[in-house]
Amino acid sequence: MLSERRYHITVCRGPECGDRRGSRALYEAFLASVAAHRLAHRCQVRWQSCFGRCTQGPNVLVREVTPEPPGPTPENGAAASPRATALYNAVDAVNVDEVVSQHVGAGVVVRALIQPPSLLGSRALSPSGSRR
């Protein structure tokens, strides 16, 4: 049942996304949007140090959290469902409500915000444009 789905929204706070591209403001915007859409009971907003896609940031991972299937398991926790996981790239405040309402609210991945991995690699560029 869709109303029972739970999600984690994980915002990158690495040096490229966080320091240079303002992921702190993005994180706050996700918190506000989740509250505005009344989805806090189904969604947790968290931080991640780096997704390794620095040239495409800020990056935001949204994944559905589902209960583990019955049977012998080491812990009774949660596992990610691959069908409802998306790494969104170049996210800005304009995209936040769309991600929250569509992905978390309706269970629909916003494909327009997903870029293939960069051909330049994933290492961050320094302010002068050289690779670190």
C-alpha atoms as a PDB file:
ATOM      1  CA  MET A   1       0.000   0.000   0.000  1.00  0.00           C
ATOM      2  CA  LEU A   2       1.491   3.347  -1.075  1.00  0.00           C
ATOM      3  CA  SER A   3       0.514   5.186   2.098  1.00  0.00           C
ATOM      4  CA  GLU A   4       2.671   2.790   4.102  1.00  0.00           C
ATOM      5  CA  ARG A   5       5.898   3.416   2.173  1.00  0.00           C
ATOM      6  CA  ARG A   6       8.762   4.984   4.074  1.00  0.00           C
ATOM      7  CA  TYR A   7      11.707   6.884   2.611  1.00  0.00           C
ATOM      8  CA  HIS A   8      15.120   8.252   3.465  1.00  0.00           C
ATOM      9  CA  ILE A   9      16.211  11.461   1.755  1.00  0.00           C
ATOM     10  CA  THR A  10      19.977  11.736   2.026  1.00  0.00           C
ATOM     11  CA  VAL A  11      21.654  15.024   1.072  1.00  0.00           C
ATOM     12  CA  CYS A  12      25.362  15.149   0.191  1.00  0.00           C
ATOM     13  CA  ARG A  13      27.427  17.438   2.392  1.00  0.00           C
ATOM     14  CA  GLY A  14      30.855  16.768   0.897  1.00  0.00           C
ATOM     15  CA  PRO A  15      33.176  19.698   0.207  1.00  0.00           C
ATOM     16  CA  GLU A  16      31.949  20.195  -3.357  1.00  0.00           C
ATOM     17  CA  CYS A  17      28.206  19.850  -2.677  1.00  0.00           C
ATOM     18  CA  GLY A  18      28.238  21.314   0.808  1.00  0.00           C
ATOM     19  CA  ASP A  19      30.851  24.042   0.800  1.00  0.00           C
ATOM     20  CA  ARG A  20      30.642  25.170  -2.806  1.00  0.00           C
ATOM     21  CA  ARG A  21      27.059  24.397  -3.758  1.00  0.00           C
ATOM     22  CA  GLY A  22      25.125  25.082  -0.569  1.00  0.00           C
ATOM     23  CA  SER A  23      23.743  21.705   0.419  1.00  0.00           C
ATOM     24  CA  ARG A  24      22.959  23.043   3.930  1.00  0.00           C
ATOM     25  CA  ALA A  25      20.219  25.243   2.425  1.00  0.00           C
ATOM     26  CA  LEU A  26      19.058  22.270   0.342  1.00  0.00           C
ATOM     27  CA  TYR A  27      18.872  20.082   3.457  1.00  0.00           C
ATOM     28  CA  GLU A  28      16.771  22.740   5.217  1.00  0.00           C
ATOM     29  CA  ALA A  29      14.510  23.021   2.148  1.00  0.00           C
ATOM     30  CA  PHE A  30      13.897  19.258   2.226  1.00  0.00           C
ATOM     31  CA  LEU A  31      13.009  19.407   5.922  1.00  0.00           C
ATOM     32  CA  ALA A  32      10.550  22.248   5.238  1.00  0.00           C
ATOM     33  CA  SER A  33       9.010  20.518   2.207  1.00  0.00           C
ATOM     34  CA  VAL A  34       8.565  17.204   4.039  1.00  0.00           C
ATOM     35  CA  ALA A  35       6.792  19.106   6.825  1.00  0.00           C
ATOM     36  CA  ALA A  36       4.674  21.147   4.395  1.00  0.00           C
ATOM     37  CA  HIS A  37       3.536  17.996   2.577  1.00  0.00           C
ATOM     38  CA  ARG A  38       2.831  16.345   5.956  1.00  0.00           C
ATOM     39  CA  LEU A  39       5.123  13.427   5.183  1.00  0.00           C
ATOM     40  CA  ALA A  40       7.393  13.522   8.240  1.00  0.00           C
ATOM     41  CA  HIS A  41       5.845  10.301   9.544  1.00  0.00           C
ATOM     42  CA  ARG A  42       7.011   8.528   6.369  1.00  0.00           C
ATOM     43  CA  CYS A  43      10.274  10.274   5.610  1.00  0.00           C
ATOM     44  CA  GLN A  44      13.592  11.007   7.289  1.00  0.00           C
ATOM     45  CA  VAL A  45      16.039  13.612   5.944  1.00  0.00           C
ATOM     46  CA  ARG A  46      19.703  12.756   6.594  1.00  0.00           C
ATOM     47  CA  TRP A  47      23.270  13.676   5.630  1.00  0.00           C
ATOM     48  CA  GLN A  48      25.915  11.739   3.679  1.00  0.00           C
ATOM     49  CA  SER A  49      29.533  12.840   3.466  1.00  0.00           C
ATOM     50  CA  CYS A  50      29.947  12.132  -0.281  1.00  0.00           C
ATOM     51  CA  PHE A  51      28.332  10.117  -3.069  1.00  0.00           C
ATOM     52  CA  GLY A  52      31.387  10.323  -5.334  1.00  0.00           C
ATOM     53  CA  ARG A  53      29.545  12.301  -8.010  1.00  0.00           C
ATOM     54  CA  CYS A  54      31.003  15.685  -7.057  1.00  0.00           C
ATOM     55  CA  THR A  55      30.920  17.192 -10.548  1.00  0.00           C
ATOM     56  CA  GLN A  56      27.155  16.616 -10.646  1.00  0.00           C
ATOM     57  CA  GLY A  57      26.204  17.903  -7.204  1.00  0.00           C
ATOM     58  CA  PRO A  58      24.462  18.716  -5.103  1.00  0.00           C
ATOM     59  CA  ASN A  59      23.392  15.088  -5.061  1.00  0.00           C
ATOM     60  CA  VAL A  60      20.404  13.731  -3.159  1.00  0.00           C
ATOM     61  CA  LEU A  61      19.638  10.042  -2.679  1.00  0.00           C
ATOM     62  CA  VAL A  62      16.006   9.089  -2.110  1.00  0.00           C
ATOM     63  CA  ARG A  63      15.348   5.468  -1.280  1.00  0.00           C
ATOM     64  CA  GLU A  64      12.362   3.538  -0.143  1.00  0.00           C
ATOM     65  CA  VAL A  65      12.893   1.636   3.089  1.00  0.00           C
ATOM     66  CA  THR A  66      11.057  -1.662   3.259  1.00  0.00           C
ATOM     67  CA  PRO A  67      10.871  -4.244   6.017  1.00  0.00           C
ATOM     68  CA  GLU A  68      13.146  -7.199   5.548  1.00  0.00           C
ATOM     69  CA  PRO A  69      11.408 -10.338   4.307  1.00  0.00           C
ATOM     70  CA  PRO A  70      10.475 -12.962   6.887  1.00  0.00           C
ATOM     71  CA  GLY A  71      13.066 -15.592   7.592  1.00  0.00           C
ATOM     72  CA  PRO A  72      16.394 -15.882   9.346  1.00  0.00           C
ATOM     73  CA  THR A  73      18.142 -12.474   9.377  1.00  0.00           C
ATOM     74  CA  PRO A  74      20.940 -11.149  11.585  1.00  0.00           C
ATOM     75  CA  GLU A  75      18.839  -8.142  12.589  1.00  0.00           C
ATOM     76  CA  ASN A  76      15.246  -7.070  12.297  1.00  0.00           C
ATOM     77  CA  GLY A  77      15.959  -3.862  10.383  1.00  0.00           C
ATOM     78  CA  ALA A  78      15.155  -2.323   7.024  1.00  0.00           C
ATOM     79  CA  ALA A  79      16.540  -2.776   3.538  1.00  0.00           C
ATOM     80  CA  ALA A  80      16.497  -0.537   0.482  1.00  0.00           C
ATOM     81  CA  SER A  81      14.123  -1.402  -2.332  1.00  0.00           C
ATOM     82  CA  PRO A  82      15.929  -0.939  -5.662  1.00  0.00           C
ATOM     83  CA  ARG A  83      12.705  -0.103  -7.493  1.00  0.00           C
ATOM     84  CA  ALA A  84      12.225   3.115  -5.544  1.00  0.00           C
ATOM     85  CA  THR A  85      15.786   4.387  -5.228  1.00  0.00           C
ATOM     86  CA  ALA A  86      17.117   7.398  -7.132  1.00  0.00           C
ATOM     87  CA  LEU A  87      20.277   9.496  -6.951  1.00  0.00           C
ATOM     88  CA  TYR A  88      19.218  12.956  -8.045  1.00  0.00           C
ATOM     89  CA  ASN A  89      21.905  15.278  -9.422  1.00  0.00           C
ATOM     90  CA  ALA A  90      22.325  19.055  -9.597  1.00  0.00           C
ATOM     91  CA  VAL A  91      19.416  19.455  -7.193  1.00  0.00           C
ATOM     92  CA  ASP A  92      18.459  22.964  -6.175  1.00  0.00           C
ATOM     93  CA  ALA A  93      15.713  24.481  -4.063  1.00  0.00           C
ATOM     94  CA  VAL A  94      13.381  24.648  -7.080  1.00  0.00           C
ATOM     95  CA  ASN A  95      13.455  20.814  -7.345  1.00  0.00           C
ATOM     96  CA  VAL A  96      12.820  20.032  -3.687  1.00  0.00           C
ATOM     97  CA  ASP A  97       9.006  20.148  -3.684  1.00  0.00           C
ATOM     98  CA  GLU A  98       8.874  18.051  -6.863  1.00  0.00           C
ATOM     99  CA  VAL A  99      11.099  15.353  -5.356  1.00  0.00           C
ATOM    100  CA  VAL A 100       9.136  15.316  -2.107  1.00  0.00           C
ATOM    101  CA  SER A 101       5.662  15.357  -3.656  1.00  0.00           C
ATOM    102  CA  GLN A 102       6.414  12.970  -6.522  1.00  0.00           C
ATOM    103  CA  HIS A 103       8.941  10.508  -5.107  1.00  0.00           C
ATOM    104  CA  VAL A 104       7.989  10.452  -1.434  1.00  0.00           C
ATOM    105  CA  GLY A 105       4.326  11.436  -1.783  1.00  0.00           C
ATOM    106  CA  ALA A 106       3.392   9.456  -4.900  1.00  0.00           C
ATOM    107  CA  GLY A 107       6.182   6.869  -5.199  1.00  0.00           C
ATOM    108  CA  VAL A 108       7.223   8.167  -8.645  1.00  0.00           C
ATOM    109  CA  VAL A 109      10.930   8.702  -9.422  1.00  0.00           C
ATOM    110  CA  VAL A 110      11.598  12.128 -11.012  1.00  0.00           C
ATOM    111  CA  ARG A 111      13.703  10.881 -13.934  1.00  0.00           C
ATOM    112  CA  ALA A 112      14.396  14.378 -15.295  1.00  0.00           C
ATOM    113  CA  LEU A 113      16.641  15.029 -12.275  1.00  0.00           C
ATOM    114  CA  ILE A 114      18.850  11.966 -12.795  1.00  0.00           C
ATOM    115  CA  GLN A 115      22.030  12.321 -14.843  1.00  0.00           C
ATOM    116  CA  PRO A 116      24.266   9.495 -16.027  1.00  0.00           C
ATOM    117  CA  PRO A 117      27.706   9.410 -14.357  1.00  0.00           C
ATOM    118  CA  SER A 118      29.975  12.140 -15.677  1.00  0.00           C
ATOM    119  CA  LEU A 119      32.548  11.179 -18.291  1.00  0.00           C
ATOM    120  CA  LEU A 120      35.000  13.488 -16.503  1.00  0.00           C
ATOM    121  CA  GLY A 121      35.105  11.265 -13.465  1.00  0.00           C
ATOM    122  CA  SER A 122      33.862  11.893  -9.989  1.00  0.00           C
ATOM    123  CA  ARG A 123      36.710  13.814  -8.401  1.00  0.00           C
ATOM    124  CA  ALA A 124      35.936  17.347  -7.381  1.00  0.00           C
ATOM    125  CA  LEU A 125      37.423  20.332  -9.184  1.00  0.00           C
ATOM    126  CA  SER A 126      39.284  22.971  -7.247  1.00  0.00           C
ATOM    127  CA  PRO A 127      38.113  26.593  -7.578  1.00  0.00           C
ATOM    128  CA  SER A 128      40.760  27.077 -10.291  1.00  0.00           C
ATOM    129  CA  GLY A 129      39.290  24.186 -12.297  1.00  0.00           C
ATOM    130  CA  SER A 130      42.109  21.695 -11.766  1.00  0.00           C
ATOM    131  CA  ARG A 131      41.535  18.179 -10.448  1.00  0.00           C
ATOM    132  CA  ARG A 132      42.278  17.465  -6.777  1.00  0.00           C
END
